[in-house]
Amino acid sequence: MANVIVVAVVIVLLGFALKGTLKHLKGESPCCGGGDTIIIEDKKLDGPVIGKKTVKISGMHCDHCVRAVTEAINKIDGASAKVNLKKKEAVVSYEKVVEDAAIREAVEKAGYTVQSIQG
């Protein structure tokens, strides 16, 4: 009887762990630092936007990841990012020429992988 109870408890715990893992992989959990509300401020460019690039990014799981990528790209002079977690991409607007290598370096320094850059 005791073995049945132990097995039942283990199964319940595994169920909770699996549920949490699935939420994490879908980007619905606070995987990177808590469940607080994340506020991401838009970077306003000084000049007119001369172009946009779409950057496909892997490794983002939550709003904390979005903030990290946004802040990393926004540090590039003349660039402003809008990051979409569901699409796993960032749209980078720029007011002066921004090299793909600079975007790739910023994203990878933040801990994520650039799959492609278009535009």
C-alpha atoms as a PDB file:
ATOM      1  CA  MET A   1       0.000   0.000   0.000  1.00  0.00           C
ATOM      2  CA  ALA A   2       2.832   2.391   0.868  1.00  0.00           C
ATOM      3  CA  ASN A   3       4.412   1.750  -2.537  1.00  0.00           C
ATOM      4  CA  VAL A   4       1.191   2.716  -4.296  1.00  0.00           C
ATOM      5  CA  ILE A   5       1.044   5.999  -2.395  1.00  0.00           C
ATOM      6  CA  VAL A   6       4.685   6.791  -3.205  1.00  0.00           C
ATOM      7  CA  VAL A   7       4.144   6.001  -6.895  1.00  0.00           C
ATOM      8  CA  ALA A   8       1.015   8.181  -6.965  1.00  0.00           C
ATOM      9  CA  VAL A   9       2.883  11.120  -5.401  1.00  0.00           C
ATOM     10  CA  VAL A  10       5.738  10.736  -7.902  1.00  0.00           C
ATOM     11  CA  ILE A  11       3.282  10.685 -10.819  1.00  0.00           C
ATOM     12  CA  VAL A  12       1.569  13.858  -9.566  1.00  0.00           C
ATOM     13  CA  LEU A  13       4.928  15.626  -9.183  1.00  0.00           C
ATOM     14  CA  LEU A  14       5.983  14.559 -12.676  1.00  0.00           C
ATOM     15  CA  GLY A  15       2.696  15.923 -14.010  1.00  0.00           C
ATOM     16  CA  PHE A  16       3.375  19.346 -12.478  1.00  0.00           C
ATOM     17  CA  ALA A  17       6.936  19.308 -13.816  1.00  0.00           C
ATOM     18  CA  LEU A  18       5.750  18.426 -17.320  1.00  0.00           C
ATOM     19  CA  LYS A  19       3.098  21.151 -17.228  1.00  0.00           C
ATOM     20  CA  GLY A  20       5.696  23.750 -16.186  1.00  0.00           C
ATOM     21  CA  THR A  21       8.112  22.600 -18.887  1.00  0.00           C
ATOM     22  CA  LEU A  22       5.451  22.869 -21.591  1.00  0.00           C
ATOM     23  CA  LYS A  23       4.528  26.400 -20.462  1.00  0.00           C
ATOM     24  CA  HIS A  24       8.202  27.330 -20.477  1.00  0.00           C
ATOM     25  CA  LEU A  25       8.729  26.037 -24.015  1.00  0.00           C
ATOM     26  CA  LYS A  26       5.627  27.859 -25.270  1.00  0.00           C
ATOM     27  CA  GLY A  27       6.891  31.142 -23.800  1.00  0.00           C
ATOM     28  CA  GLU A  28       4.069  31.369 -21.263  1.00  0.00           C
ATOM     29  CA  SER A  29       6.107  31.144 -18.075  1.00  0.00           C
ATOM     30  CA  PRO A  30       8.439  33.524 -16.284  1.00  0.00           C
ATOM     31  CA  CYS A  31      11.451  31.416 -17.246  1.00  0.00           C
ATOM     32  CA  CYS A  32      14.160  34.011 -16.889  1.00  0.00           C
ATOM     33  CA  GLY A  33      13.578  35.805 -13.668  1.00  0.00           C
ATOM     34  CA  GLY A  34      10.139  36.021 -12.148  1.00  0.00           C
ATOM     35  CA  GLY A  35       6.531  36.560 -12.953  1.00  0.00           C
ATOM     36  CA  ASP A  36       6.483  40.336 -12.753  1.00  0.00           C
ATOM     37  CA  THR A  37       5.148  42.518 -15.549  1.00  0.00           C
ATOM     38  CA  ILE A  38       7.844  43.507 -18.014  1.00  0.00           C
ATOM     39  CA  ILE A  39       7.779  47.042 -19.379  1.00  0.00           C
ATOM     40  CA  ILE A  40       9.791  47.546 -22.542  1.00  0.00           C
ATOM     41  CA  GLU A  41      10.256  51.146 -23.535  1.00  0.00           C
ATOM     42  CA  ASP A  42      10.349  52.058 -27.206  1.00  0.00           C
ATOM     43  CA  LYS A  43      13.517  53.701 -28.444  1.00  0.00           C
ATOM     44  CA  LYS A  44      12.696  56.807 -30.443  1.00  0.00           C
ATOM     45  CA  LEU A  45      15.014  57.504 -33.354  1.00  0.00           C
ATOM     46  CA  ASP A  46      16.133  61.103 -33.891  1.00  0.00           C
ATOM     47  CA  GLY A  47      15.948  61.042 -37.679  1.00  0.00           C
ATOM     48  CA  PRO A  48      13.654  59.510 -40.266  1.00  0.00           C
ATOM     49  CA  VAL A  49      13.613  55.725 -40.652  1.00  0.00           C
ATOM     50  CA  ILE A  50      15.523  54.800 -43.821  1.00  0.00           C
ATOM     51  CA  GLY A  51      14.968  51.048 -43.622  1.00  0.00           C
ATOM     52  CA  LYS A  52      13.949  47.980 -41.671  1.00  0.00           C
ATOM     53  CA  LYS A  53      15.438  44.528 -41.182  1.00  0.00           C
ATOM     54  CA  THR A  54      13.678  41.423 -39.909  1.00  0.00           C
ATOM     55  CA  VAL A  55      15.861  39.285 -37.661  1.00  0.00           C
ATOM     56  CA  LYS A  56      14.802  35.691 -36.900  1.00  0.00           C
ATOM     57  CA  ILE A  57      16.026  34.759 -33.408  1.00  0.00           C
ATOM     58  CA  SER A  58      16.070  31.457 -31.541  1.00  0.00           C
ATOM     59  CA  GLY A  59      16.338  30.935 -27.810  1.00  0.00           C
ATOM     60  CA  MET A  60      13.694  33.419 -26.643  1.00  0.00           C
ATOM     61  CA  HIS A  61      11.131  31.936 -24.238  1.00  0.00           C
ATOM     62  CA  CYS A  62       9.504  34.787 -22.326  1.00  0.00           C
ATOM     63  CA  ASP A  63       9.098  38.537 -21.899  1.00  0.00           C
ATOM     64  CA  HIS A  64      12.433  38.698 -20.096  1.00  0.00           C
ATOM     65  CA  CYS A  65      14.076  37.322 -23.243  1.00  0.00           C
ATOM     66  CA  VAL A  66      12.227  39.899 -25.351  1.00  0.00           C
ATOM     67  CA  ARG A  67      13.477  42.685 -23.111  1.00  0.00           C
ATOM     68  CA  ALA A  68      17.074  41.420 -23.276  1.00  0.00           C
ATOM     69  CA  VAL A  69      17.025  41.283 -27.096  1.00  0.00           C
ATOM     70  CA  THR A  70      15.270  44.657 -27.374  1.00  0.00           C
ATOM     71  CA  GLU A  71      17.777  46.347 -25.080  1.00  0.00           C
ATOM     72  CA  ALA A  72      20.723  44.740 -26.882  1.00  0.00           C
ATOM     73  CA  ILE A  73      19.598  45.943 -30.315  1.00  0.00           C
ATOM     74  CA  ASN A  74      18.571  49.364 -29.005  1.00  0.00           C
ATOM     75  CA  LYS A  75      22.157  49.928 -27.836  1.00  0.00           C
ATOM     76  CA  ILE A  76      23.199  50.057 -31.494  1.00  0.00           C
ATOM     77  CA  ASP A  77      23.519  53.681 -32.562  1.00  0.00           C
ATOM     78  CA  GLY A  78      20.720  54.576 -34.974  1.00  0.00           C
ATOM     79  CA  ALA A  79      18.702  51.372 -34.489  1.00  0.00           C
ATOM     80  CA  SER A  80      15.419  50.614 -32.721  1.00  0.00           C
ATOM     81  CA  ALA A  81      13.907  47.141 -32.226  1.00  0.00           C
ATOM     82  CA  LYS A  82      10.397  45.753 -31.892  1.00  0.00           C
ATOM     83  CA  VAL A  83      10.674  42.127 -30.742  1.00  0.00           C
ATOM     84  CA  ASN A  84       7.849  39.608 -31.218  1.00  0.00           C
ATOM     85  CA  LEU A  85       8.099  36.524 -29.004  1.00  0.00           C
ATOM     86  CA  LYS A  86       5.472  34.475 -30.846  1.00  0.00           C
ATOM     87  CA  LYS A  87       7.120  35.036 -34.234  1.00  0.00           C
ATOM     88  CA  LYS A  88      10.611  34.686 -32.719  1.00  0.00           C
ATOM     89  CA  GLU A  89      11.754  37.792 -34.554  1.00  0.00           C
ATOM     90  CA  ALA A  90      12.801  41.393 -34.184  1.00  0.00           C
ATOM     91  CA  VAL A  91      12.014  44.152 -36.640  1.00  0.00           C
ATOM     92  CA  VAL A  92      14.897  46.607 -36.547  1.00  0.00           C
ATOM     93  CA  SER A  93      14.202  50.131 -37.811  1.00  0.00           C
ATOM     94  CA  TYR A  94      17.209  52.298 -38.524  1.00  0.00           C
ATOM     95  CA  GLU A  95      17.949  55.923 -39.294  1.00  0.00           C
ATOM     96  CA  LYS A  96      21.420  55.253 -40.660  1.00  0.00           C
ATOM     97  CA  VAL A  97      23.020  52.175 -42.158  1.00  0.00           C
ATOM     98  CA  VAL A  98      23.288  49.371 -39.600  1.00  0.00           C
ATOM     99  CA  GLU A  99      25.399  46.380 -40.585  1.00  0.00           C
ATOM    100  CA  ASP A 100      23.973  42.886 -40.158  1.00  0.00           C
ATOM    101  CA  ALA A 101      27.118  41.947 -38.223  1.00  0.00           C
ATOM    102  CA  ALA A 102      26.362  44.611 -35.582  1.00  0.00           C
ATOM    103  CA  ILE A 103      22.843  43.247 -35.088  1.00  0.00           C
ATOM    104  CA  ARG A 104      24.081  39.654 -34.963  1.00  0.00           C
ATOM    105  CA  GLU A 105      26.778  40.577 -32.430  1.00  0.00           C
ATOM    106  CA  ALA A 106      24.316  42.425 -30.163  1.00  0.00           C
ATOM    107  CA  VAL A 107      21.786  39.577 -30.172  1.00  0.00           C
ATOM    108  CA  GLU A 108      24.412  36.902 -29.591  1.00  0.00           C
ATOM    109  CA  LYS A 109      26.044  38.926 -26.811  1.00  0.00           C
ATOM    110  CA  ALA A 110      22.611  38.948 -25.121  1.00  0.00           C
ATOM    111  CA  GLY A 111      22.653  35.136 -25.253  1.00  0.00           C
ATOM    112  CA  TYR A 112      20.456  34.323 -28.259  1.00  0.00           C
ATOM    113  CA  THR A 113      21.053  32.969 -31.759  1.00  0.00           C
ATOM    114  CA  VAL A 114      20.355  34.839 -34.999  1.00  0.00           C
ATOM    115  CA  GLN A 115      18.843  32.480 -37.572  1.00  0.00           C
ATOM    116  CA  SER A 116      18.598  35.001 -40.405  1.00  0.00           C
ATOM    117  CA  ILE A 117      18.503  38.696 -41.212  1.00  0.00           C
ATOM    118  CA  GLN A 118      16.360  39.971 -44.087  1.00  0.00           C
ATOM    119  CA  GLY A 119      16.006  43.456 -45.438  1.00  0.00           C
END
